[in-house]
Structure formats: C-alpha cells, structure tokens
C-alpha cells in the first residue's frame, strides 16, 4: 500500500479514531488491510503484548474503543 492509498483509507474514518498496528516480532511487511476493530487498552500488558487487545477477550466494564487496525501481509491474525 502506498502513502496515497493509506491516506485515502484513513480519510474515511472519524478524525478521533485510534489507529493501531499489529505488535511484536521483527521486520516489516506491506500493508494489506485496514479493518475496524473493537479494542480495550490492556493495562497489564507485558513487553511482548500489544497495548490494546481485542474487546472480545475481556468481560465486565471496560472502555471499548473503535479502532482502525493496520494489518501486514504475514501478521498473526491471518490464517
């Protein structure tokens, strides 16, 4: 994905939308997807954890944010 393509995709989102990327591991990949996800800030994150986790991993009262998540070609969320 080019900068121009990324900018066009991000322009469609509300300006206050957090933009997150997959965390951990090494290297870089091309962006292949930007997807809206419900996320919760993970206050007890270890060094290897992302600062946010998918909202479906939590129960109870949590502050859920609707975030744009940028996915690379070989990230952990693809089959």
C-alpha atoms as a PDB file:
ATOM      1  CA  UNK A   1       0.000   0.000   0.000  1.00  0.00           C
ATOM      2  CA  UNK A   2       1.325   3.420  -0.854  1.00  0.00           C
ATOM      3  CA  UNK A   3       1.146   6.540   1.323  1.00  0.00           C
ATOM      4  CA  UNK A   4      -1.510   7.936  -1.013  1.00  0.00           C
ATOM      5  CA  UNK A   5      -3.652   4.796  -0.673  1.00  0.00           C
ATOM      6  CA  UNK A   6      -3.239   4.800   3.108  1.00  0.00           C
ATOM      7  CA  UNK A   7      -4.202   8.472   3.366  1.00  0.00           C
ATOM      8  CA  UNK A   8      -7.326   7.899   1.262  1.00  0.00           C
ATOM      9  CA  UNK A   9      -8.389   4.998   3.501  1.00  0.00           C
ATOM     10  CA  UNK A  10      -7.758   6.967   6.686  1.00  0.00           C
ATOM     11  CA  UNK A  11      -9.724   9.978   5.376  1.00  0.00           C
ATOM     12  CA  UNK A  12     -12.886   7.839   5.525  1.00  0.00           C
ATOM     13  CA  UNK A  13     -12.581   7.454   9.316  1.00  0.00           C
ATOM     14  CA  UNK A  14     -13.698   9.881  12.012  1.00  0.00           C
ATOM     15  CA  UNK A  15     -10.686  12.058  12.975  1.00  0.00           C
ATOM     16  CA  UNK A  16     -10.669  10.812  16.586  1.00  0.00           C
ATOM     17  CA  UNK A  17     -10.318   7.140  15.571  1.00  0.00           C
ATOM     18  CA  UNK A  18      -7.245   5.492  17.115  1.00  0.00           C
ATOM     19  CA  UNK A  19      -5.011   3.823  14.524  1.00  0.00           C
ATOM     20  CA  UNK A  20      -3.299   0.664  15.740  1.00  0.00           C
ATOM     21  CA  UNK A  21      -0.782  -1.743  14.216  1.00  0.00           C
ATOM     22  CA  UNK A  22      -0.030  -5.341  14.987  1.00  0.00           C
ATOM     23  CA  UNK A  23       2.562  -5.600  17.710  1.00  0.00           C
ATOM     24  CA  UNK A  24       5.632  -7.702  18.450  1.00  0.00           C
ATOM     25  CA  UNK A  25       8.136  -9.765  16.475  1.00  0.00           C
ATOM     26  CA  UNK A  26      10.572  -8.442  13.873  1.00  0.00           C
ATOM     27  CA  UNK A  27      10.779  -6.977  10.396  1.00  0.00           C
ATOM     28  CA  UNK A  28       8.295  -5.189   8.191  1.00  0.00           C
ATOM     29  CA  UNK A  29       5.533  -6.206   5.775  1.00  0.00           C
ATOM     30  CA  UNK A  30       3.403  -4.439   3.206  1.00  0.00           C
ATOM     31  CA  UNK A  31       0.052  -3.193   4.493  1.00  0.00           C
ATOM     32  CA  UNK A  32      -2.656  -5.434   3.106  1.00  0.00           C
ATOM     33  CA  UNK A  33      -5.688  -4.407   5.098  1.00  0.00           C
ATOM     34  CA  UNK A  34      -7.149  -1.801   7.427  1.00  0.00           C
ATOM     35  CA  UNK A  35     -10.019  -3.129   9.493  1.00  0.00           C
ATOM     36  CA  UNK A  36     -12.291  -1.595  12.148  1.00  0.00           C
ATOM     37  CA  UNK A  37     -11.927  -3.480  15.453  1.00  0.00           C
ATOM     38  CA  UNK A  38     -13.303  -3.048  18.944  1.00  0.00           C
ATOM     39  CA  UNK A  39     -10.331  -2.806  21.329  1.00  0.00           C
ATOM     40  CA  UNK A  40      -9.557  -2.277  25.002  1.00  0.00           C
ATOM     41  CA  UNK A  41      -6.354  -0.728  26.374  1.00  0.00           C
ATOM     42  CA  UNK A  42      -4.543  -3.590  28.117  1.00  0.00           C
ATOM     43  CA  UNK A  43      -3.197  -2.011  31.291  1.00  0.00           C
ATOM     44  CA  UNK A  44      -1.319  -5.129  32.405  1.00  0.00           C
ATOM     45  CA  UNK A  45       0.463  -5.679  29.088  1.00  0.00           C
ATOM     46  CA  UNK A  46       3.843  -7.337  29.212  1.00  0.00           C
ATOM     47  CA  UNK A  47       6.679  -6.162  26.976  1.00  0.00           C
ATOM     48  CA  UNK A  48       5.618  -8.664  24.309  1.00  0.00           C
ATOM     49  CA  UNK A  49       1.922  -7.714  24.424  1.00  0.00           C
ATOM     50  CA  UNK A  50       0.289  -5.006  22.382  1.00  0.00           C
ATOM     51  CA  UNK A  51      -1.011  -2.010  24.331  1.00  0.00           C
ATOM     52  CA  UNK A  52      -4.527  -2.870  23.156  1.00  0.00           C
ATOM     53  CA  UNK A  53      -6.312  -6.204  22.957  1.00  0.00           C
ATOM     54  CA  UNK A  54      -9.428  -7.283  21.127  1.00  0.00           C
ATOM     55  CA  UNK A  55     -12.503  -6.335  23.174  1.00  0.00           C
ATOM     56  CA  UNK A  56     -13.885  -9.879  22.970  1.00  0.00           C
ATOM     57  CA  UNK A  57     -11.052 -11.040  25.276  1.00  0.00           C
ATOM     58  CA  UNK A  58     -12.478  -9.031  28.183  1.00  0.00           C
ATOM     59  CA  UNK A  59     -15.608  -9.255  30.285  1.00  0.00           C
ATOM     60  CA  UNK A  60     -17.085  -6.706  32.621  1.00  0.00           C
ATOM     61  CA  UNK A  61     -16.848  -2.964  32.456  1.00  0.00           C
ATOM     62  CA  UNK A  62     -14.078  -1.923  30.078  1.00  0.00           C
ATOM     63  CA  UNK A  63     -13.656   1.209  27.993  1.00  0.00           C
ATOM     64  CA  UNK A  64     -14.012  -0.073  24.438  1.00  0.00           C
ATOM     65  CA  UNK A  65     -12.676   1.969  21.542  1.00  0.00           C
ATOM     66  CA  UNK A  66     -13.446   1.503  17.879  1.00  0.00           C
ATOM     67  CA  UNK A  67     -10.026   1.496  16.250  1.00  0.00           C
ATOM     68  CA  UNK A  68      -8.608   1.137  12.762  1.00  0.00           C
ATOM     69  CA  UNK A  69      -6.097  -1.710  12.782  1.00  0.00           C
ATOM     70  CA  UNK A  70      -3.453  -1.879  10.074  1.00  0.00           C
ATOM     71  CA  UNK A  71      -2.524  -5.433   9.100  1.00  0.00           C
ATOM     72  CA  UNK A  72       0.637  -6.568   7.363  1.00  0.00           C
ATOM     73  CA  UNK A  73       0.905  -9.457   4.911  1.00  0.00           C
ATOM     74  CA  UNK A  74       2.050 -12.071   7.425  1.00  0.00           C
ATOM     75  CA  UNK A  75       0.673 -10.827  10.735  1.00  0.00           C
ATOM     76  CA  UNK A  76      -0.586 -13.124  13.458  1.00  0.00           C
ATOM     77  CA  UNK A  77      -4.282 -12.558  12.638  1.00  0.00           C
ATOM     78  CA  UNK A  78      -4.228 -14.119   9.168  1.00  0.00           C
ATOM     79  CA  UNK A  79      -4.764 -17.846   8.647  1.00  0.00           C
END
